[in-house]
């Protein structure tokens, strides 16, 4: 059941300050070979605006003082992560395998929000945060990342016609993604919440079915700031 959402305004001020302090040239090089800084200059207002919408929606679903595991967390998730830590007093493990992005984000946090209990970690989400379960798992545009899963991404977005699919590569990527989804689901306490995109929900529905866990999908959807995928919420019993 959705709770009355706390006011996330206290997290938006430090989020805006961190975004202003980030090294956008360095982040542009992480995401793109060229034009990355210009891309982020255009997207930055949407990161804060849509991040606020997602933070408000999520804050009404998560209890105070819990634990969240975010898989592949980056720039777009920053306002949400700060809302969890600043407003809800939650422990947030923001795992990201891109070490250069983690360094840039942590430098921005240290400069503009040094007291915030949030730092990104360059670690695999399967082991990040040590032992123990999380009452919330965030997985946004992870299984559709074209760098990590070029074939899965192409199929998901309809960029890759069936006749051009390399079946062996597709199967290999599918099994690797299935393993990540299984590991993430195993780290979720029940009842628990999963934040993910419409394109990725099937990975978690499969795991819930294998575990015999009832799952409820919220009808509320919020666009992401960078990719534009629709983000929603799953409640796992």
C-alpha atoms as a PDB file:
ATOM      1  CA  UNK A   1       0.000   0.000   0.000  1.00  0.00           C
ATOM      2  CA  UNK A   2       1.267   3.435  -0.893  1.00  0.00           C
ATOM      3  CA  UNK A   3       1.942   5.661   2.130  1.00  0.00           C
ATOM      4  CA  UNK A   4       1.539   9.434   2.232  1.00  0.00           C
ATOM      5  CA  UNK A   5       4.767  10.666   0.653  1.00  0.00           C
ATOM      6  CA  UNK A   6       7.072  12.720   2.895  1.00  0.00           C
ATOM      7  CA  UNK A   7       8.161  16.110   1.625  1.00  0.00           C
ATOM      8  CA  UNK A   8      11.344  15.526  -0.369  1.00  0.00           C
ATOM      9  CA  UNK A   9      12.219  19.226  -0.650  1.00  0.00           C
ATOM     10  CA  UNK A  10      15.004  18.743   1.890  1.00  0.00           C
ATOM     11  CA  UNK A  11      16.775  16.464  -0.585  1.00  0.00           C
ATOM     12  CA  UNK A  12      16.262  18.614  -3.661  1.00  0.00           C
ATOM     13  CA  UNK A  13      18.492  21.448  -2.485  1.00  0.00           C
ATOM     14  CA  UNK A  14      21.571  19.254  -1.983  1.00  0.00           C
ATOM     15  CA  UNK A  15      20.736  17.366  -5.197  1.00  0.00           C
ATOM     16  CA  UNK A  16      20.773  20.626  -7.162  1.00  0.00           C
ATOM     17  CA  UNK A  17      24.018  21.653  -5.469  1.00  0.00           C
ATOM     18  CA  UNK A  18      25.709  18.345  -6.294  1.00  0.00           C
ATOM     19  CA  UNK A  19      24.560  18.491  -9.908  1.00  0.00           C
ATOM     20  CA  UNK A  20      26.059  21.979 -10.166  1.00  0.00           C
ATOM     21  CA  UNK A  21      29.345  20.753  -8.660  1.00  0.00           C
ATOM     22  CA  UNK A  22      29.815  17.693 -10.871  1.00  0.00           C
ATOM     23  CA  UNK A  23      32.597  17.502 -13.446  1.00  0.00           C
ATOM     24  CA  UNK A  24      30.341  17.236 -16.491  1.00  0.00           C
ATOM     25  CA  UNK A  25      33.226  16.962 -18.908  1.00  0.00           C
ATOM     26  CA  UNK A  26      34.456  13.854 -17.121  1.00  0.00           C
ATOM     27  CA  UNK A  27      30.954  12.402 -16.942  1.00  0.00           C
ATOM     28  CA  UNK A  28      30.410  13.148 -20.622  1.00  0.00           C
ATOM     29  CA  UNK A  29      33.504  11.115 -21.442  1.00  0.00           C
ATOM     30  CA  UNK A  30      32.181   8.205 -19.366  1.00  0.00           C
ATOM     31  CA  UNK A  31      28.894   8.048 -21.241  1.00  0.00           C
ATOM     32  CA  UNK A  32      29.902   9.146 -24.744  1.00  0.00           C
ATOM     33  CA  UNK A  33      32.899   9.311 -27.042  1.00  0.00           C
ATOM     34  CA  UNK A  34      31.999  12.860 -28.090  1.00  0.00           C
ATOM     35  CA  UNK A  35      29.405  15.508 -27.245  1.00  0.00           C
ATOM     36  CA  UNK A  36      28.845  14.162 -23.752  1.00  0.00           C
ATOM     37  CA  UNK A  37      29.204  17.480 -21.958  1.00  0.00           C
ATOM     38  CA  UNK A  38      26.669  19.114 -24.283  1.00  0.00           C
ATOM     39  CA  UNK A  39      24.285  16.191 -23.813  1.00  0.00           C
ATOM     40  CA  UNK A  40      24.365  16.569 -20.036  1.00  0.00           C
ATOM     41  CA  UNK A  41      23.940  20.346 -20.245  1.00  0.00           C
ATOM     42  CA  UNK A  42      20.647  19.670 -22.027  1.00  0.00           C
ATOM     43  CA  UNK A  43      19.550  16.847 -19.717  1.00  0.00           C
ATOM     44  CA  UNK A  44      20.474  18.336 -16.328  1.00  0.00           C
ATOM     45  CA  UNK A  45      17.135  20.145 -15.740  1.00  0.00           C
ATOM     46  CA  UNK A  46      15.260  16.918 -16.482  1.00  0.00           C
ATOM     47  CA  UNK A  47      17.484  14.964 -14.081  1.00  0.00           C
ATOM     48  CA  UNK A  48      16.310  17.177 -11.235  1.00  0.00           C
ATOM     49  CA  UNK A  49      12.686  17.512 -12.378  1.00  0.00           C
ATOM     50  CA  UNK A  50      12.012  13.851 -13.119  1.00  0.00           C
ATOM     51  CA  UNK A  51      14.243  12.780 -10.238  1.00  0.00           C
ATOM     52  CA  UNK A  52      11.970  14.772  -7.930  1.00  0.00           C
ATOM     53  CA  UNK A  53       8.880  13.018  -9.313  1.00  0.00           C
ATOM     54  CA  UNK A  54      10.451   9.610  -8.841  1.00  0.00           C
ATOM     55  CA  UNK A  55      11.690  10.518  -5.365  1.00  0.00           C
ATOM     56  CA  UNK A  56       8.218  11.608  -4.258  1.00  0.00           C
ATOM     57  CA  UNK A  57       6.623   8.446  -5.644  1.00  0.00           C
ATOM     58  CA  UNK A  58       9.203   6.185  -4.046  1.00  0.00           C
ATOM     59  CA  UNK A  59       9.175   8.006  -0.705  1.00  0.00           C
ATOM     60  CA  UNK A  60       5.512   7.078  -0.348  1.00  0.00           C
ATOM     61  CA  UNK A  61       6.356   3.404  -0.749  1.00  0.00           C
ATOM     62  CA  UNK A  62       9.452   2.891   1.393  1.00  0.00           C
ATOM     63  CA  UNK A  63       9.672   2.826   5.188  1.00  0.00           C
ATOM     64  CA  UNK A  64      12.050   5.068   7.047  1.00  0.00           C
ATOM     65  CA  UNK A  65      15.299   3.513   8.210  1.00  0.00           C
ATOM     66  CA  UNK A  66      15.378   0.633   5.720  1.00  0.00           C
ATOM     67  CA  UNK A  67      18.013  -0.437   3.211  1.00  0.00           C
ATOM     68  CA  UNK A  68      18.107   0.033  -0.555  1.00  0.00           C
ATOM     69  CA  UNK A  69      20.322  -1.594  -3.153  1.00  0.00           C
ATOM     70  CA  UNK A  70      20.579   0.350  -6.407  1.00  0.00           C
ATOM     71  CA  UNK A  71      22.068  -1.547  -9.345  1.00  0.00           C
ATOM     72  CA  UNK A  72      23.969   0.543 -11.887  1.00  0.00           C
ATOM     73  CA  UNK A  73      23.108   3.802 -10.105  1.00  0.00           C
ATOM     74  CA  UNK A  74      24.388   6.916 -11.837  1.00  0.00           C
ATOM     75  CA  UNK A  75      23.676  10.593 -12.395  1.00  0.00           C
ATOM     76  CA  UNK A  76      19.947  10.194 -13.074  1.00  0.00           C
ATOM     77  CA  UNK A  77      19.337   8.446  -9.759  1.00  0.00           C
ATOM     78  CA  UNK A  78      21.115  11.096  -7.645  1.00  0.00           C
ATOM     79  CA  UNK A  79      17.985  13.034  -6.487  1.00  0.00           C
ATOM     80  CA  UNK A  80      16.243   9.780  -5.544  1.00  0.00           C
ATOM     81  CA  UNK A  81      19.217   8.456  -3.595  1.00  0.00           C
ATOM     82  CA  UNK A  82      19.548  11.710  -1.672  1.00  0.00           C
ATOM     83  CA  UNK A  83      15.822  11.672  -0.882  1.00  0.00           C
ATOM     84  CA  UNK A  84      16.188   8.214   0.599  1.00  0.00           C
ATOM     85  CA  UNK A  85      19.152   9.165   2.774  1.00  0.00           C
ATOM     86  CA  UNK A  86      18.242  12.751   3.706  1.00  0.00           C
ATOM     87  CA  UNK A  87      14.456  12.473   4.079  1.00  0.00           C
ATOM     88  CA  UNK A  88      13.885   8.836   4.995  1.00  0.00           C
ATOM     89  CA  UNK A  89      17.129   8.154   6.837  1.00  0.00           C
ATOM     90  CA  UNK A  90      17.675   5.000   4.817  1.00  0.00           C
ATOM     91  CA  UNK A  91      20.937   3.207   4.084  1.00  0.00           C
ATOM     92  CA  UNK A  92      21.574   3.295   0.353  1.00  0.00           C
ATOM     93  CA  UNK A  93      24.090   1.103  -1.447  1.00  0.00           C
ATOM     94  CA  UNK A  94      24.571   2.651  -4.899  1.00  0.00           C
ATOM     95  CA  UNK A  95      26.568   0.127  -6.926  1.00  0.00           C
ATOM     96  CA  UNK A  96      28.085   1.054 -10.270  1.00  0.00           C
ATOM     97  CA  UNK A  97      30.765  -0.821 -12.220  1.00  0.00           C
ATOM     98  CA  UNK A  98      31.968   2.362 -13.969  1.00  0.00           C
ATOM     99  CA  UNK A  99      34.760   3.446 -11.620  1.00  0.00           C
ATOM    100  CA  UNK A 100      35.272   6.794 -13.374  1.00  0.00           C
ATOM    101  CA  UNK A 101      31.598   7.692 -12.940  1.00  0.00           C
ATOM    102  CA  UNK A 102      31.670   6.673  -9.287  1.00  0.00           C
ATOM    103  CA  UNK A 103      34.720   8.865  -8.685  1.00  0.00           C
ATOM    104  CA  UNK A 104      33.112  11.890 -10.359  1.00  0.00           C
ATOM    105  CA  UNK A 105      29.846  11.481  -8.458  1.00  0.00           C
ATOM    106  CA  UNK A 106      31.578  11.041  -5.111  1.00  0.00           C
ATOM    107  CA  UNK A 107      33.724  14.123  -5.732  1.00  0.00           C
ATOM    108  CA  UNK A 108      30.551  16.126  -6.366  1.00  0.00           C
ATOM    109  CA  UNK A 109      28.910  14.752  -3.217  1.00  0.00           C
ATOM    110  CA  UNK A 110      31.996  15.506  -1.106  1.00  0.00           C
ATOM    111  CA  UNK A 111      32.141  19.073  -2.434  1.00  0.00           C
ATOM    112  CA  UNK A 112      28.450  20.032  -2.306  1.00  0.00           C
ATOM    113  CA  UNK A 113      26.830  17.651   0.203  1.00  0.00           C
ATOM    114  CA  UNK A 114      29.600  16.450   2.525  1.00  0.00           C
ATOM    115  CA  UNK A 115      27.200  15.620   5.355  1.00  0.00           C
ATOM    116  CA  UNK A 116      24.895  13.449   3.224  1.00  0.00           C
ATOM    117  CA  UNK A 117      25.150   9.773   4.093  1.00  0.00           C
ATOM    118  CA  UNK A 118      25.519   8.804   0.446  1.00  0.00           C
ATOM    119  CA  UNK A 119      28.494   7.647  -1.556  1.00  0.00           C
ATOM    120  CA  UNK A 120      28.533   5.522  -4.679  1.00  0.00           C
ATOM    121  CA  UNK A 121      30.565   2.304  -4.688  1.00  0.00           C
ATOM    122  CA  UNK A 122      32.450   0.813  -7.633  1.00  0.00           C
ATOM    123  CA  UNK A 123      31.311  -2.730  -6.982  1.00  0.00           C
ATOM    124  CA  UNK A 124      29.217  -5.567  -8.337  1.00  0.00           C
ATOM    125  CA  UNK A 125      25.641  -5.356  -7.066  1.00  0.00           C
ATOM    126  CA  UNK A 126      25.758  -9.061  -6.233  1.00  0.00           C
ATOM    127  CA  UNK A 127      28.126  -8.393  -3.347  1.00  0.00           C
ATOM    128  CA  UNK A 128      27.933  -4.627  -2.699  1.00  0.00           C
ATOM    129  CA  UNK A 129      26.838  -3.696   0.795  1.00  0.00           C
ATOM    130  CA  UNK A 130      28.033  -6.910   2.392  1.00  0.00           C
ATOM    131  CA  UNK A 131      25.688  -9.446   3.902  1.00  0.00           C
ATOM    132  CA  UNK A 132      22.072  -8.847   4.797  1.00  0.00           C
ATOM    133  CA  UNK A 133      18.918  -8.184   2.835  1.00  0.00           C
ATOM    134  CA  UNK A 134      17.405  -5.008   1.388  1.00  0.00           C
ATOM    135  CA  UNK A 135      13.745  -4.025   1.563  1.00  0.00           C
ATOM    136  CA  UNK A 136      14.130  -2.201  -1.756  1.00  0.00           C
ATOM    137  CA  UNK A 137      16.042  -2.917  -4.958  1.00  0.00           C
ATOM    138  CA  UNK A 138      16.387  -0.272  -7.682  1.00  0.00           C
ATOM    139  CA  UNK A 139      17.230  -1.454 -11.198  1.00  0.00           C
ATOM    140  CA  UNK A 140      16.635   1.221 -13.839  1.00  0.00           C
ATOM    141  CA  UNK A 141      17.775   0.748 -17.462  1.00  0.00           C
ATOM    142  CA  UNK A 142      20.339  -1.876 -16.443  1.00  0.00           C
ATOM    143  CA  UNK A 143      19.240  -4.832 -18.583  1.00  0.00           C
ATOM    144  CA  UNK A 144      18.727  -2.523 -21.570  1.00  0.00           C
ATOM    145  CA  UNK A 145      22.203  -0.954 -21.436  1.00  0.00           C
ATOM    146  CA  UNK A 146      23.570  -1.304 -25.000  1.00  0.00           C
ATOM    147  CA  UNK A 147      27.189  -1.381 -23.824  1.00  0.00           C
ATOM    148  CA  UNK A 148      26.645  -4.311 -21.473  1.00  0.00           C
ATOM    149  CA  UNK A 149      23.874  -6.146 -23.318  1.00  0.00           C
ATOM    150  CA  UNK A 150      24.005  -5.071 -26.985  1.00  0.00           C
ATOM    151  CA  UNK A 151      21.770  -7.883 -28.220  1.00  0.00           C
ATOM    152  CA  UNK A 152      19.251  -7.755 -25.359  1.00  0.00           C
ATOM    153  CA  UNK A 153      19.077  -3.991 -25.704  1.00  0.00           C
ATOM    154  CA  UNK A 154      18.558  -4.183 -29.451  1.00  0.00           C
ATOM    155  CA  UNK A 155      15.741  -6.692 -29.046  1.00  0.00           C
ATOM    156  CA  UNK A 156      14.105  -4.805 -26.159  1.00  0.00           C
ATOM    157  CA  UNK A 157      13.956  -1.531 -28.071  1.00  0.00           C
ATOM    158  CA  UNK A 158      13.149  -3.073 -31.457  1.00  0.00           C
ATOM    159  CA  UNK A 159      16.408  -1.875 -33.012  1.00  0.00           C
ATOM    160  CA  UNK A 160      17.489  -5.394 -33.913  1.00  0.00           C
ATOM    161  CA  UNK A 161      15.257  -7.252 -36.405  1.00  0.00           C
ATOM    162  CA  UNK A 162      14.758 -10.966 -35.543  1.00  0.00           C
ATOM    163  CA  UNK A 163      16.522 -12.056 -38.721  1.00  0.00           C
ATOM    164  CA  UNK A 164      19.690 -10.247 -37.556  1.00  0.00           C
ATOM    165  CA  UNK A 165      19.780 -11.666 -34.023  1.00  0.00           C
ATOM    166  CA  UNK A 166      22.900 -13.659 -33.195  1.00  0.00           C
ATOM    167  CA  UNK A 167      21.150 -16.461 -31.331  1.00  0.00           C
ATOM    168  CA  UNK A 168      24.208 -17.698 -29.449  1.00  0.00           C
ATOM    169  CA  UNK A 169      25.072 -14.196 -28.282  1.00  0.00           C
ATOM    170  CA  UNK A 170      21.449 -13.548 -27.325  1.00  0.00           C
ATOM    171  CA  UNK A 171      21.338 -16.728 -25.218  1.00  0.00           C
ATOM    172  CA  UNK A 172      24.630 -15.851 -23.511  1.00  0.00           C
ATOM    173  CA  UNK A 173      23.443 -12.333 -22.657  1.00  0.00           C
ATOM    174  CA  UNK A 174      20.055 -13.623 -21.533  1.00  0.00           C
ATOM    175  CA  UNK A 175      21.589 -16.118 -19.119  1.00  0.00           C
ATOM    176  CA  UNK A 176      24.005 -13.511 -17.734  1.00  0.00           C
ATOM    177  CA  UNK A 177      21.124 -11.072 -17.214  1.00  0.00           C
ATOM    178  CA  UNK A 178      18.985 -13.804 -15.686  1.00  0.00           C
ATOM    179  CA  UNK A 179      21.788 -14.527 -13.221  1.00  0.00           C
ATOM    180  CA  UNK A 180      21.989 -10.868 -12.209  1.00  0.00           C
ATOM    181  CA  UNK A 181      18.213 -10.673 -11.776  1.00  0.00           C
ATOM    182  CA  UNK A 182      18.260 -13.821  -9.642  1.00  0.00           C
ATOM    183  CA  UNK A 183      21.046 -12.447  -7.451  1.00  0.00           C
ATOM    184  CA  UNK A 184      19.238  -9.126  -7.023  1.00  0.00           C
ATOM    185  CA  UNK A 185      15.954 -10.829  -6.190  1.00  0.00           C
ATOM    186  CA  UNK A 186      17.712 -13.042  -3.631  1.00  0.00           C
ATOM    187  CA  UNK A 187      18.920  -9.908  -1.824  1.00  0.00           C
ATOM    188  CA  UNK A 188      15.384  -8.544  -1.473  1.00  0.00           C
ATOM    189  CA  UNK A 189      13.600  -9.088   1.830  1.00  0.00           C
ATOM    190  CA  UNK A 190       9.901  -9.839   1.664  1.00  0.00           C
ATOM    191  CA  UNK A 191       7.700  -7.953   1.673  1.00  0.00           C
ATOM    192  CA  UNK A 192       9.857  -5.672  -0.421  1.00  0.00           C
ATOM    193  CA  UNK A 193       9.783  -3.193  -3.278  1.00  0.00           C
ATOM    194  CA  UNK A 194      11.496  -3.210  -6.674  1.00  0.00           C
ATOM    195  CA  UNK A 195      11.871  -0.054  -8.746  1.00  0.00           C
ATOM    196  CA  UNK A 196      12.451  -0.899 -12.394  1.00  0.00           C
ATOM    197  CA  UNK A 197      11.429  -0.043 -15.942  1.00  0.00           C
ATOM    198  CA  UNK A 198       8.656  -1.504 -18.044  1.00  0.00           C
ATOM    199  CA  UNK A 199      11.289  -3.039 -20.324  1.00  0.00           C
ATOM    200  CA  UNK A 200      12.956  -4.838 -17.412  1.00  0.00           C
ATOM    201  CA  UNK A 201      10.006  -5.973 -15.335  1.00  0.00           C
ATOM    202  CA  UNK A 202       9.911  -9.435 -16.950  1.00  0.00           C
ATOM    203  CA  UNK A 203      13.262 -10.347 -15.394  1.00  0.00           C
ATOM    204  CA  UNK A 204      11.837  -9.865 -11.907  1.00  0.00           C
ATOM    205  CA  UNK A 205       8.453 -11.375 -12.679  1.00  0.00           C
ATOM    206  CA  UNK A 206      10.296 -14.547 -13.681  1.00  0.00           C
ATOM    207  CA  UNK A 207      12.219 -14.624 -10.394  1.00  0.00           C
ATOM    208  CA  UNK A 208       9.069 -14.013  -8.367  1.00  0.00           C
ATOM    209  CA  UNK A 209       7.377 -16.895 -10.194  1.00  0.00           C
ATOM    210  CA  UNK A 210      10.282 -19.238  -9.480  1.00  0.00           C
ATOM    211  CA  UNK A 211      10.164 -18.246  -5.797  1.00  0.00           C
ATOM    212  CA  UNK A 212       6.382 -18.531  -5.596  1.00  0.00           C
ATOM    213  CA  UNK A 213       6.259 -14.934  -4.382  1.00  0.00           C
ATOM    214  CA  UNK A 214       3.074 -12.911  -5.052  1.00  0.00           C
ATOM    215  CA  UNK A 215       3.866  -9.666  -6.815  1.00  0.00           C
ATOM    216  CA  UNK A 216       1.805  -6.526  -7.398  1.00  0.00           C
ATOM    217  CA  UNK A 217       2.647  -3.969 -10.090  1.00  0.00           C
ATOM    218  CA  UNK A 218       1.771  -0.330  -9.519  1.00  0.00           C
ATOM    219  CA  UNK A 219      -0.070   1.473 -12.300  1.00  0.00           C
ATOM    220  CA  UNK A 220       1.999   4.616 -11.672  1.00  0.00           C
ATOM    221  CA  UNK A 221       4.774   5.149 -14.215  1.00  0.00           C
ATOM    222  CA  UNK A 222       7.385   7.923 -14.356  1.00  0.00           C
ATOM    223  CA  UNK A 223       9.714   8.621 -17.280  1.00  0.00           C
ATOM    224  CA  UNK A 224      13.443   8.546 -16.686  1.00  0.00           C
ATOM    225  CA  UNK A 225      15.451  11.674 -17.359  1.00  0.00           C
ATOM    226  CA  UNK A 226      18.106  10.240 -19.662  1.00  0.00           C
ATOM    227  CA  UNK A 227      16.772   7.241 -21.595  1.00  0.00           C
ATOM    228  CA  UNK A 228      13.069   8.005 -21.283  1.00  0.00           C
ATOM    229  CA  UNK A 229      12.074   4.515 -20.156  1.00  0.00           C
ATOM    230  CA  UNK A 230       8.988   4.371 -17.960  1.00  0.00           C
ATOM    231  CA  UNK A 231       9.816   3.497 -14.342  1.00  0.00           C
ATOM    232  CA  UNK A 232       7.333   1.693 -12.101  1.00  0.00           C
ATOM    233  CA  UNK A 233       7.152  -0.198  -8.831  1.00  0.00           C
ATOM    234  CA  UNK A 234       6.695  -3.851  -7.928  1.00  0.00           C
ATOM    235  CA  UNK A 235       5.591  -4.974  -4.471  1.00  0.00           C
ATOM    236  CA  UNK A 236       6.832  -8.458  -3.654  1.00  0.00           C
ATOM    237  CA  UNK A 237       5.092 -10.348  -0.867  1.00  0.00           C
END
